[in-house]
N, C-alpha and C. Protein backbone atom coordinates (compact mmCIF):
# COMPACT_ATOMS: atom_id res chain seq x y z
N MET A 1 140.18 47.49 140.05
CA MET A 1 140.01 47.07 138.66
C MET A 1 140.45 45.62 138.52
N ASP A 2 139.65 44.84 137.86
CA ASP A 2 140.01 43.46 137.57
C ASP A 2 140.77 43.46 136.24
N LEU A 3 142.10 43.52 136.36
CA LEU A 3 142.96 43.66 135.19
C LEU A 3 142.71 42.57 134.16
N MET A 4 142.59 41.32 134.61
CA MET A 4 142.41 40.22 133.67
C MET A 4 141.11 40.39 132.88
N LYS A 5 140.07 40.83 133.53
CA LYS A 5 138.79 41.04 132.84
C LYS A 5 138.95 42.07 131.72
N HIS A 6 139.70 43.13 132.00
CA HIS A 6 139.93 44.16 130.99
C HIS A 6 140.81 43.62 129.85
N VAL A 7 141.84 42.86 130.19
CA VAL A 7 142.71 42.27 129.17
C VAL A 7 141.90 41.33 128.28
N LEU A 8 141.06 40.51 128.89
CA LEU A 8 140.24 39.58 128.11
C LEU A 8 139.28 40.31 127.19
N ARG A 9 138.73 41.42 127.64
CA ARG A 9 137.81 42.20 126.80
C ARG A 9 138.56 42.74 125.58
N VAL A 10 139.75 43.29 125.80
CA VAL A 10 140.55 43.83 124.68
C VAL A 10 140.96 42.69 123.75
N LEU A 11 141.37 41.58 124.31
CA LEU A 11 141.75 40.40 123.52
C LEU A 11 140.57 39.95 122.65
N ASP A 12 139.41 39.88 123.25
CA ASP A 12 138.21 39.45 122.53
C ASP A 12 137.90 40.39 121.37
N GLU A 13 137.99 41.68 121.62
CA GLU A 13 137.69 42.67 120.58
C GLU A 13 138.75 42.64 119.47
N ALA A 14 140.03 42.57 119.85
CA ALA A 14 141.10 42.61 118.86
C ALA A 14 141.09 41.39 117.94
N LEU A 15 140.73 40.23 118.50
CA LEU A 15 140.74 38.99 117.73
C LEU A 15 139.37 38.61 117.19
N HIS A 16 138.36 39.46 117.46
CA HIS A 16 137.00 39.21 116.98
C HIS A 16 136.52 37.82 117.40
N LEU A 17 136.65 37.51 118.70
CA LEU A 17 136.31 36.19 119.21
C LEU A 17 134.86 36.05 119.67
N GLN A 18 134.08 37.09 119.50
CA GLN A 18 132.65 37.06 119.83
C GLN A 18 132.39 36.57 121.25
N GLU A 19 133.13 37.15 122.19
CA GLU A 19 133.03 36.91 123.63
C GLU A 19 133.57 35.56 124.09
N GLN A 20 134.21 34.79 123.23
CA GLN A 20 134.83 33.53 123.65
C GLN A 20 135.96 33.77 124.65
N ALA A 21 136.70 34.86 124.47
CA ALA A 21 137.84 35.13 125.34
C ALA A 21 137.42 35.41 126.77
N LEU A 22 136.19 35.80 126.97
CA LEU A 22 135.72 36.13 128.32
C LEU A 22 135.71 34.91 129.23
N ALA A 23 135.76 33.72 128.65
CA ALA A 23 135.80 32.48 129.43
C ALA A 23 137.22 31.96 129.63
N PHE A 24 138.21 32.64 129.08
CA PHE A 24 139.60 32.20 129.23
C PHE A 24 140.06 32.39 130.67
N ASP A 25 141.07 31.60 131.07
CA ASP A 25 141.69 31.79 132.38
C ASP A 25 143.18 32.04 132.19
N VAL A 26 143.91 32.20 133.28
CA VAL A 26 145.34 32.56 133.19
C VAL A 26 146.16 31.52 132.45
N ASN A 27 145.72 30.29 132.41
CA ASN A 27 146.49 29.22 131.76
C ASN A 27 146.10 28.99 130.31
N THR A 28 145.14 29.74 129.81
CA THR A 28 144.71 29.56 128.42
C THR A 28 145.85 29.93 127.48
N PRO A 29 146.27 28.98 126.64
CA PRO A 29 147.34 29.29 125.68
C PRO A 29 146.84 30.20 124.57
N LEU A 30 147.70 31.09 124.13
CA LEU A 30 147.34 32.04 123.08
C LEU A 30 148.13 31.78 121.81
N LEU A 31 149.38 32.23 121.79
CA LEU A 31 150.21 32.13 120.59
C LEU A 31 150.39 30.67 120.19
N GLY A 32 150.02 30.35 118.97
CA GLY A 32 150.14 28.99 118.46
C GLY A 32 148.89 28.16 118.72
N SER A 33 148.01 28.64 119.57
CA SER A 33 146.79 27.91 119.89
C SER A 33 145.54 28.58 119.34
N LEU A 34 145.61 29.88 119.17
CA LEU A 34 144.47 30.62 118.61
C LEU A 34 144.82 31.02 117.18
N PRO A 35 144.16 30.42 116.20
CA PRO A 35 144.46 30.77 114.81
C PRO A 35 144.21 32.25 114.52
N GLU A 36 143.34 32.87 115.30
CA GLU A 36 143.05 34.29 115.10
C GLU A 36 144.23 35.19 115.48
N LEU A 37 145.15 34.67 116.30
CA LEU A 37 146.28 35.48 116.76
C LEU A 37 147.44 35.37 115.78
N ASP A 38 147.29 36.05 114.65
CA ASP A 38 148.37 36.13 113.67
C ASP A 38 149.11 37.45 113.89
N SER A 39 150.04 37.76 113.02
CA SER A 39 150.87 38.96 113.23
C SER A 39 150.05 40.24 113.19
N MET A 40 149.07 40.32 112.32
CA MET A 40 148.23 41.53 112.24
C MET A 40 147.36 41.66 113.49
N ALA A 41 146.83 40.53 113.97
CA ALA A 41 146.01 40.55 115.18
C ALA A 41 146.85 40.91 116.39
N ALA A 42 148.10 40.47 116.41
CA ALA A 42 149.00 40.81 117.53
C ALA A 42 149.20 42.32 117.59
N VAL A 43 149.36 42.96 116.45
CA VAL A 43 149.51 44.42 116.40
C VAL A 43 148.23 45.08 116.91
N ALA A 44 147.08 44.58 116.48
CA ALA A 44 145.81 45.13 116.94
C ALA A 44 145.65 44.94 118.44
N LEU A 45 146.08 43.79 118.95
CA LEU A 45 145.99 43.51 120.38
C LEU A 45 146.89 44.45 121.17
N ILE A 46 148.12 44.62 120.73
CA ILE A 46 149.06 45.52 121.41
C ILE A 46 148.50 46.94 121.43
N THR A 47 148.03 47.40 120.28
CA THR A 47 147.47 48.75 120.18
C THR A 47 146.25 48.89 121.09
N GLY A 48 145.40 47.88 121.08
CA GLY A 48 144.20 47.90 121.92
C GLY A 48 144.54 47.97 123.39
N LEU A 49 145.53 47.18 123.82
CA LEU A 49 145.94 47.20 125.23
C LEU A 49 146.57 48.54 125.60
N GLU A 50 147.41 49.06 124.71
CA GLU A 50 148.04 50.36 125.00
C GLU A 50 146.99 51.45 125.13
N ASN A 51 146.03 51.46 124.23
CA ASN A 51 144.97 52.48 124.27
C ASN A 51 144.08 52.31 125.51
N HIS A 52 143.72 51.10 125.81
CA HIS A 52 142.82 50.83 126.93
C HIS A 52 143.45 51.20 128.27
N PHE A 53 144.72 50.86 128.43
CA PHE A 53 145.39 51.08 129.71
C PHE A 53 146.21 52.36 129.76
N GLY A 54 146.32 53.06 128.63
CA GLY A 54 147.08 54.31 128.61
C GLY A 54 148.56 54.12 128.83
N VAL A 55 149.11 53.07 128.23
CA VAL A 55 150.54 52.76 128.37
C VAL A 55 151.15 52.61 126.99
N THR A 56 152.46 52.56 126.95
CA THR A 56 153.19 52.25 125.73
C THR A 56 154.21 51.17 126.06
N PHE A 57 154.07 50.02 125.43
CA PHE A 57 154.97 48.90 125.71
C PHE A 57 156.31 49.10 125.03
N ASP A 58 157.36 48.69 125.69
CA ASP A 58 158.70 48.67 125.12
C ASP A 58 158.76 47.46 124.19
N GLU A 59 159.27 47.66 122.99
CA GLU A 59 159.36 46.56 122.02
C GLU A 59 160.11 45.36 122.58
N ALA A 60 161.07 45.60 123.46
CA ALA A 60 161.86 44.51 124.04
C ALA A 60 160.99 43.56 124.87
N ASP A 61 159.85 44.06 125.34
CA ASP A 61 158.96 43.24 126.17
C ASP A 61 157.93 42.47 125.34
N LEU A 62 157.91 42.71 124.05
CA LEU A 62 156.92 42.07 123.18
C LEU A 62 157.57 40.93 122.42
N ASN A 63 157.41 39.73 122.95
CA ASN A 63 158.00 38.55 122.33
C ASN A 63 157.04 37.37 122.47
N ALA A 64 157.44 36.23 121.97
CA ALA A 64 156.57 35.05 122.00
C ALA A 64 156.17 34.68 123.42
N ASP A 65 157.08 34.83 124.38
CA ASP A 65 156.76 34.50 125.77
C ASP A 65 155.64 35.37 126.31
N THR A 66 155.61 36.63 125.90
CA THR A 66 154.57 37.56 126.34
C THR A 66 153.20 37.09 125.92
N PHE A 67 153.10 36.49 124.74
CA PHE A 67 151.83 36.07 124.18
C PHE A 67 151.56 34.57 124.35
N ALA A 68 152.32 33.92 125.22
CA ALA A 68 152.17 32.47 125.41
C ALA A 68 150.83 32.10 126.02
N THR A 69 150.43 32.82 127.07
CA THR A 69 149.17 32.53 127.76
C THR A 69 148.48 33.83 128.16
N VAL A 70 147.26 33.71 128.59
CA VAL A 70 146.55 34.88 129.12
C VAL A 70 147.31 35.44 130.31
N GLY A 71 147.82 34.56 131.15
CA GLY A 71 148.56 35.00 132.34
C GLY A 71 149.80 35.80 131.99
N SER A 72 150.56 35.36 131.00
CA SER A 72 151.77 36.10 130.62
C SER A 72 151.42 37.45 130.02
N LEU A 73 150.33 37.53 129.30
CA LEU A 73 149.88 38.80 128.74
C LEU A 73 149.43 39.74 129.87
N CYS A 74 148.73 39.20 130.84
CA CYS A 74 148.30 40.01 132.00
C CYS A 74 149.50 40.51 132.80
N ARG A 75 150.53 39.69 132.93
CA ARG A 75 151.74 40.11 133.67
C ARG A 75 152.42 41.29 132.96
N LEU A 76 152.44 41.26 131.64
CA LEU A 76 153.01 42.39 130.89
C LEU A 76 152.22 43.66 131.19
N VAL A 77 150.91 43.59 131.08
CA VAL A 77 150.08 44.76 131.32
C VAL A 77 150.27 45.25 132.75
N GLN A 78 150.26 44.33 133.70
CA GLN A 78 150.41 44.69 135.12
C GLN A 78 151.72 45.42 135.35
N ALA A 79 152.79 45.00 134.69
CA ALA A 79 154.09 45.65 134.86
C ALA A 79 154.06 47.10 134.40
N TYR A 80 153.24 47.42 133.43
CA TYR A 80 153.16 48.78 132.91
C TYR A 80 152.12 49.62 133.65
N VAL A 81 151.08 48.98 134.12
CA VAL A 81 150.03 49.70 134.83
C VAL A 81 150.49 50.05 136.23
N SER A 82 151.27 49.18 136.86
CA SER A 82 151.76 49.38 138.22
C SER A 82 153.28 49.28 138.25
N PRO A 83 153.98 50.25 137.66
CA PRO A 83 155.44 50.15 137.64
C PRO A 83 156.01 50.23 139.06
N PRO A 84 157.21 49.66 139.25
CA PRO A 84 157.83 49.63 140.59
C PRO A 84 158.09 51.02 141.16
């Protein structure tokens, strides 16, 4: 599974980006750079990722650093999809 591709698809759907997110890379900034990523969209994104990957994120892991870039968001998902 290409985790980043799945994360980008959920991101695109949650933020209604009309497939713009599919061109993002790991360094694409999110929080503070995408006007669509407001507090309500962040909740939709978290819910979408949890539903898509069948995980439940710990609130302690959900902070500004998590949403800084596509890469940081993918690292969060990866930690839950493939726990140690």
